[in-house]
N, C-alpha and C. Protein backbone atom coordinates (compact mmCIF):
# COMPACT_ATOMS: atom_id res chain seq x y z
N MET A 1 48.99 55.42 60.46
CA MET A 1 49.15 55.99 61.68
C MET A 1 48.99 54.97 62.72
N ASN A 2 49.96 54.82 63.56
CA ASN A 2 49.81 53.83 64.94
C ASN A 2 48.59 54.32 65.73
N LYS A 3 48.36 53.30 66.49
CA LYS A 3 47.35 53.97 67.70
C LYS A 3 47.58 53.33 68.95
N ILE A 4 47.74 54.14 70.05
CA ILE A 4 47.80 53.87 71.28
C ILE A 4 46.63 54.01 72.09
N GLN A 5 45.89 52.80 72.31
CA GLN A 5 44.69 53.08 73.71
C GLN A 5 45.50 52.95 74.88
N PHE A 6 45.13 54.09 75.59
CA PHE A 6 45.50 53.94 77.01
C PHE A 6 44.58 54.33 77.77
N LEU A 7 44.25 52.86 78.65
CA LEU A 7 43.03 52.54 79.46
C LEU A 7 43.89 52.88 80.91
N THR A 8 42.85 53.90 81.49
CA THR A 8 43.15 54.79 82.64
C THR A 8 41.73 54.56 83.76
N MET A 9 42.48 54.92 84.98
CA MET A 9 41.34 54.68 86.00
C MET A 9 41.36 55.98 86.91
N VAL A 10 40.41 56.48 87.22
CA VAL A 10 40.46 57.89 88.36
C VAL A 10 41.29 57.30 89.57
N GLY A 11 41.95 58.27 90.02
CA GLY A 11 42.70 58.31 90.82
C GLY A 11 43.85 57.07 90.73
N CYS A 12 44.22 56.60 89.57
CA CYS A 12 45.35 55.55 89.28
C CYS A 12 46.43 56.20 89.35
N HIS A 13 47.61 56.30 90.48
CA HIS A 13 48.84 57.11 90.44
C HIS A 13 50.00 56.49 89.20
N ASN A 14 49.84 55.04 88.73
CA ASN A 14 50.44 54.53 87.81
C ASN A 14 49.90 55.33 86.60
N CYS A 15 48.66 55.57 86.33
CA CYS A 15 48.32 56.21 85.14
C CYS A 15 48.71 57.43 85.08
N GLU A 16 48.65 58.44 85.90
CA GLU A 16 49.47 59.71 86.18
C GLU A 16 50.70 59.73 85.51
N ALA A 17 51.61 58.75 86.04
CA ALA A 17 53.05 58.55 85.53
C ALA A 17 53.12 58.17 84.30
N VAL A 18 52.43 57.32 83.81
CA VAL A 18 52.44 56.95 82.47
C VAL A 18 51.77 58.19 81.46
N LYS A 19 50.97 59.28 81.83
CA LYS A 19 50.69 60.14 81.14
C LYS A 19 51.50 61.22 81.26
N LYS A 20 52.49 61.26 82.32
CA LYS A 20 53.66 62.53 82.32
C LYS A 20 54.53 61.66 81.18
N LEU A 21 54.75 60.53 81.18
CA LEU A 21 56.08 59.95 80.26
C LEU A 21 55.32 59.97 78.67
N PHE A 22 53.82 59.75 78.68
CA PHE A 22 53.42 59.86 77.26
C PHE A 22 53.92 61.17 76.83
N ASN A 23 53.77 62.43 77.62
CA ASN A 23 53.52 63.91 77.24
C ASN A 23 55.09 63.86 76.86
N GLU A 24 56.21 63.52 77.35
CA GLU A 24 57.64 63.53 77.24
C GLU A 24 57.84 62.85 75.91
N VAL A 25 57.41 61.78 75.82
CA VAL A 25 57.92 60.96 74.50
C VAL A 25 57.20 61.00 73.56
N ILE A 26 55.75 61.35 73.24
CA ILE A 26 54.76 61.24 72.26
C ILE A 26 55.33 62.10 71.09
N PRO A 27 55.64 63.54 71.74
CA PRO A 27 55.57 64.58 70.59
C PRO A 27 56.55 64.29 69.57
N GLU A 28 57.80 63.19 69.80
CA GLU A 28 58.72 62.82 69.33
C GLU A 28 57.98 62.08 68.01
N PHE A 29 57.10 61.65 68.24
CA PHE A 29 56.68 60.41 67.19
C PHE A 29 55.32 61.00 66.71
N LYS A 30 54.85 62.42 67.07
CA LYS A 30 53.62 62.89 66.75
C LYS A 30 52.87 62.63 65.20
N ASP A 31 53.85 62.53 64.42
CA ASP A 31 53.63 62.08 63.06
C ASP A 31 52.99 60.84 62.83
N SER A 32 53.45 60.17 63.71
CA SER A 32 53.05 58.66 63.42
C SER A 32 52.22 57.79 64.76
N VAL A 33 52.07 58.40 65.68
CA VAL A 33 51.64 58.04 66.66
C VAL A 33 50.25 58.74 66.95
N GLU A 34 49.06 58.35 67.09
CA GLU A 34 47.84 59.00 67.97
C GLU A 34 47.70 57.95 69.25
N VAL A 35 47.24 58.64 69.93
CA VAL A 35 46.71 58.47 71.56
C VAL A 35 45.28 58.61 71.89
N GLU A 36 44.69 57.42 72.16
CA GLU A 36 43.18 57.78 72.82
C GLU A 36 43.50 57.36 74.27
N GLU A 37 42.90 58.03 74.94
CA GLU A 37 42.50 57.67 76.59
C GLU A 37 41.46 57.30 76.65
N ILE A 38 41.34 56.10 77.30
CA ILE A 38 39.99 55.35 77.71
C ILE A 38 39.87 55.04 79.17
N ASP A 39 38.44 55.45 79.80
CA ASP A 39 38.33 55.12 80.86
C ASP A 39 38.25 53.71 81.22
N MET A 40 38.69 53.17 82.04
CA MET A 40 38.59 51.58 82.13
C MET A 40 37.25 51.15 82.65
N MET A 41 36.33 52.18 83.05
CA MET A 41 35.18 51.64 83.67
C MET A 41 34.05 51.99 82.64
N SER A 42 34.49 52.86 81.61
CA SER A 42 33.29 52.99 80.73
C SER A 42 32.97 51.40 80.04
N THR A 43 32.06 51.79 79.15
CA THR A 43 31.74 50.45 78.33
C THR A 43 32.60 49.98 77.35
N GLU A 44 33.27 51.09 76.74
CA GLU A 44 34.62 50.74 75.71
C GLU A 44 35.62 50.04 76.91
N GLY A 45 35.90 50.75 77.43
CA GLY A 45 37.02 50.29 78.69
C GLY A 45 37.06 48.97 79.29
N GLN A 46 35.37 48.69 79.45
CA GLN A 46 35.32 47.10 80.00
C GLN A 46 35.42 46.52 78.99
N GLU A 47 35.28 46.81 77.53
CA GLU A 47 35.22 45.79 76.66
C GLU A 47 36.75 45.13 76.05
N LEU A 48 37.28 46.30 76.25
CA LEU A 48 38.98 46.27 75.97
C LEU A 48 39.57 45.48 77.05
N VAL A 49 39.35 45.88 78.10
CA VAL A 49 40.05 45.21 79.41
C VAL A 49 39.51 43.82 79.62
N GLN A 50 38.34 43.17 78.75
CA GLN A 50 38.20 41.63 78.82
C GLN A 50 38.80 41.07 77.48
N LYS A 51 38.96 41.72 76.26
CA LYS A 51 39.41 41.68 75.28
C LYS A 51 40.83 41.23 75.64
N TYR A 52 41.55 42.03 76.16
CA TYR A 52 43.04 42.11 76.29
C TYR A 52 43.61 41.55 77.37
N GLY A 53 42.80 41.44 78.51
CA GLY A 53 42.92 40.87 79.68
C GLY A 53 43.94 41.47 80.52
N VAL A 54 43.49 42.81 80.38
CA VAL A 54 44.18 44.07 81.53
C VAL A 54 43.87 43.39 82.72
N PHE A 55 44.81 43.36 83.60
CA PHE A 55 44.94 43.34 84.80
C PHE A 55 45.01 44.11 86.04
N ALA A 56 45.76 45.41 85.42
CA ALA A 56 45.91 46.40 86.19
C ALA A 56 46.06 47.80 85.38
N SER A 57 46.04 48.73 85.73
CA SER A 57 45.87 49.91 85.51
C SER A 57 47.04 50.54 85.27
N PRO A 58 47.53 51.45 84.29
CA PRO A 58 46.91 51.41 83.26
C PRO A 58 47.37 50.21 82.28
N GLY A 59 46.35 50.30 81.25
CA GLY A 59 46.72 49.35 80.13
C GLY A 59 47.01 50.11 78.88
N ILE A 60 48.03 49.70 78.00
CA ILE A 60 48.40 50.26 77.10
C ILE A 60 48.30 49.26 75.83
N ILE A 61 47.45 49.51 74.97
CA ILE A 61 47.34 48.65 73.76
C ILE A 61 47.68 49.45 72.66
N ILE A 62 48.77 48.94 71.90
CA ILE A 62 49.37 49.56 70.68
C ILE A 62 48.67 48.54 69.45
N ASN A 63 48.24 49.54 68.55
CA ASN A 63 47.63 48.73 67.06
C ASN A 63 47.16 47.13 67.77
N ASP A 64 46.48 47.29 68.63
CA ASP A 64 45.65 46.21 68.90
C ASP A 64 46.12 45.22 69.49
N GLU A 65 47.10 45.14 69.87
CA GLU A 65 48.00 44.36 70.78
C GLU A 65 48.30 44.90 72.49
N LEU A 66 48.02 43.96 73.30
CA LEU A 66 48.12 44.65 74.66
C LEU A 66 49.90 44.70 74.84
N PHE A 67 50.52 45.92 75.18
CA PHE A 67 51.78 46.31 75.39
C PHE A 67 52.24 46.33 76.80
N ALA A 68 51.37 46.84 77.62
CA ALA A 68 52.05 46.58 78.98
C ALA A 68 50.44 47.15 79.80
N THR A 69 50.76 46.77 81.36
CA THR A 69 49.65 46.83 82.34
C THR A 69 50.62 47.38 83.55
N GLY A 70 49.81 48.23 84.14
CA GLY A 70 50.36 48.49 85.58
C GLY A 70 51.51 49.76 85.45
N GLY A 71 51.97 50.19 84.43
CA GLY A 71 52.89 50.87 84.13
C GLY A 71 53.59 50.69 82.82
N VAL A 72 54.90 51.37 82.71
CA VAL A 72 55.47 51.15 81.25
C VAL A 72 57.21 51.85 81.39
N ASP A 73 57.85 50.89 80.97
CA ASP A 73 59.40 51.19 80.72
C ASP A 73 59.35 52.24 79.90
N LYS A 74 60.04 53.54 79.98
CA LYS A 74 60.64 54.49 79.18
C LYS A 74 61.13 54.04 77.81
N GLU A 75 62.10 53.24 78.11
CA GLU A 75 63.00 52.68 77.17
C GLU A 75 62.64 51.67 76.48
N LYS A 76 61.26 51.02 76.71
CA LYS A 76 60.70 49.86 75.95
C LYS A 76 59.65 50.72 75.22
N LEU A 77 59.25 51.65 75.49
CA LEU A 77 58.05 52.55 74.97
C LEU A 77 58.65 53.18 73.94
N VAL A 78 59.62 53.76 73.76
CA VAL A 78 60.79 54.48 72.94
C VAL A 78 61.14 53.64 71.86
N GLU A 79 61.68 52.32 72.00
CA GLU A 79 62.08 51.27 71.27
C GLU A 79 60.83 50.83 70.24
N LYS A 80 59.77 50.74 71.16
CA LYS A 80 58.61 50.14 70.26
C LYS A 80 58.23 51.06 69.24
N LEU A 81 58.11 52.48 69.68
CA LEU A 81 57.69 53.41 68.68
C LEU A 81 58.61 53.88 67.69
N LYS A 82 60.01 53.65 67.96
CA LYS A 82 60.85 53.77 66.99
C LYS A 82 60.79 52.59 65.97
N GLU A 83 60.35 51.48 66.50
CA GLU A 83 60.07 50.29 65.68
C GLU A 83 58.79 50.31 64.68
N LEU A 84 58.02 51.36 65.16
CA LEU A 84 56.60 51.44 64.18
C LEU A 84 56.79 52.36 63.47
N SER A 85 57.96 53.92 63.84
CA SER A 85 57.65 54.67 62.94
C SER A 85 58.47 54.43 61.50
């Protein structure tokens, strides 16, 4: 199972946009992808921010590798998920 860690922040418009994108895209890959939403301000969130050098919200970490910060392109996300399936 592939793991997406979705680092979010309260009041983040980019986070809401990516959440909508996930709701569109992830069902197609539900058998191979698990999404975990993590508040960037939590202890766990802060550890991940520092570990991966997340400089803008949201941060998207796929299988322990930083995939995107500050937003994500739908085509790149779908391409990555197809690669992992």
